[in-house]
């Protein structure tokens, strides 16, 4: 096969009616249907939905873990605040005792 014959064969193949029908697919249209609907509208997007479903499930799992961590941190903070309040009460009592002793 020489180069000219190979090139003309390629041009004929591109212009062939079968080649035009089964040309390279574009994401914006479905072969044989036209440029209106996109493949996911015709065939559905099950694979994409499955991926999104798994992603949503993973997102929910992470969200629940973060909520649990937040609850733990809130409880820790409350415990520290309670301890601080208790120490303030103790300090106030000690100050009152010292004032009493000084006045006596």
Protein backbone atom coordinates (compact mmCIF):
# COMPACT_ATOMS: atom_id res chain seq x y z
CA UNK A 1 0.00 0.00 0.00
CA UNK A 2 1.40 3.36 -0.91
CA UNK A 3 0.84 6.61 1.00
CA UNK A 4 -1.63 8.08 -1.54
CA UNK A 5 -3.81 4.99 -1.47
CA UNK A 6 -3.74 4.91 2.34
CA UNK A 7 -4.73 8.61 2.53
CA UNK A 8 -7.61 8.25 0.06
CA UNK A 9 -8.85 5.17 1.93
CA UNK A 10 -8.85 7.19 5.17
CA UNK A 11 -10.81 10.02 3.51
CA UNK A 12 -13.35 7.57 2.11
CA UNK A 13 -13.68 5.96 5.52
CA UNK A 14 -14.42 9.33 7.16
CA UNK A 15 -17.07 10.16 4.58
CA UNK A 16 -18.60 6.69 4.54
CA UNK A 17 -22.24 6.60 5.68
CA UNK A 18 -21.46 4.06 8.39
CA UNK A 19 -18.59 6.18 9.63
CA UNK A 20 -20.88 9.17 9.84
CA UNK A 21 -23.50 7.22 11.80
CA UNK A 22 -20.94 5.68 14.14
CA UNK A 23 -18.63 8.65 14.42
CA UNK A 24 -16.78 9.50 17.60
CA UNK A 25 -19.26 10.00 20.43
CA UNK A 26 -19.73 13.40 21.99
CA UNK A 27 -20.97 13.83 25.54
CA UNK A 28 -23.60 16.32 24.39
CA UNK A 29 -25.51 13.94 22.13
CA UNK A 30 -26.49 10.33 21.59
CA UNK A 31 -25.38 8.67 18.33
CA UNK A 32 -28.35 8.06 16.06
CA UNK A 33 -30.63 10.34 18.10
CA UNK A 34 -29.06 13.73 17.52
CA UNK A 35 -27.98 16.75 19.48
CA UNK A 36 -31.09 17.11 21.67
CA UNK A 37 -30.85 14.77 24.63
CA UNK A 38 -27.61 13.72 26.27
CA UNK A 39 -26.74 10.06 26.97
CA UNK A 40 -27.68 10.21 30.66
CA UNK A 41 -31.15 11.49 29.75
CA UNK A 42 -31.70 8.57 27.38
CA UNK A 43 -29.94 5.75 29.21
CA UNK A 44 -29.94 7.08 32.76
CA UNK A 45 -26.92 7.78 34.88
CA UNK A 46 -26.92 4.72 37.12
CA UNK A 47 -23.16 4.52 37.35
CA UNK A 48 -22.96 8.18 38.29
CA UNK A 49 -25.82 7.80 40.77
CA UNK A 50 -24.12 4.82 42.36
CA UNK A 51 -20.94 6.82 42.75
CA UNK A 52 -22.84 9.75 44.19
CA UNK A 53 -24.75 7.40 46.52
CA UNK A 54 -21.51 5.98 47.89
CA UNK A 55 -20.11 9.48 48.19
CA UNK A 56 -23.24 10.62 50.01
CA UNK A 57 -23.03 7.65 52.37
CA UNK A 58 -19.35 8.40 53.07
CA UNK A 59 -20.22 12.07 53.64
CA UNK A 60 -22.94 11.08 56.10
CA UNK A 61 -20.52 8.78 57.92
CA UNK A 62 -17.94 11.57 58.23
CA UNK A 63 -20.66 13.99 59.36
CA UNK A 64 -21.80 11.58 62.09
CA UNK A 65 -18.19 11.12 63.24
CA UNK A 66 -17.74 14.89 63.40
CA UNK A 67 -20.98 15.28 65.35
CA UNK A 68 -19.78 12.66 67.85
CA UNK A 69 -16.43 14.45 68.22
CA UNK A 70 -18.23 17.76 68.71
CA UNK A 71 -20.41 16.25 71.43
CA UNK A 72 -17.32 14.92 73.22
CA UNK A 73 -15.60 18.30 72.98
CA UNK A 74 -18.71 20.07 74.29
CA UNK A 75 -18.80 17.70 77.27
CA UNK A 76 -15.10 18.34 77.94
CA UNK A 77 -15.66 22.08 77.75
CA UNK A 78 -18.62 21.85 80.13
CA UNK A 79 -16.50 19.85 82.59
CA UNK A 80 -13.76 22.49 82.47
CA UNK A 81 -16.31 25.30 82.93
CA UNK A 82 -17.78 23.45 85.91
CA UNK A 83 -14.32 23.03 87.41
CA UNK A 84 -13.55 26.73 86.93
CA UNK A 85 -16.85 27.67 88.58
CA UNK A 86 -16.07 25.35 91.48
CA UNK A 87 -12.62 26.90 91.90
CA UNK A 88 -14.16 30.38 91.90
CA UNK A 89 -16.53 29.36 94.69
CA UNK A 90 -13.61 27.93 96.70
CA UNK A 91 -11.57 31.11 96.15
CA UNK A 92 -14.48 33.28 97.25
CA UNK A 93 -14.90 31.21 100.43
CA UNK A 94 -11.18 31.51 101.19
CA UNK A 95 -11.29 35.28 100.66
CA UNK A 96 -14.24 35.52 103.01
CA UNK A 97 -12.38 33.50 105.69
CA UNK A 98 -9.27 35.69 105.29
CA UNK A 99 -11.33 38.86 105.63
CA UNK A 100 -12.93 37.50 108.77
CA UNK A 101 -9.52 36.60 110.24
CA UNK A 102 -8.07 40.00 109.38
CA UNK A 103 -10.97 41.78 110.99
CA UNK A 104 -10.61 39.73 114.19
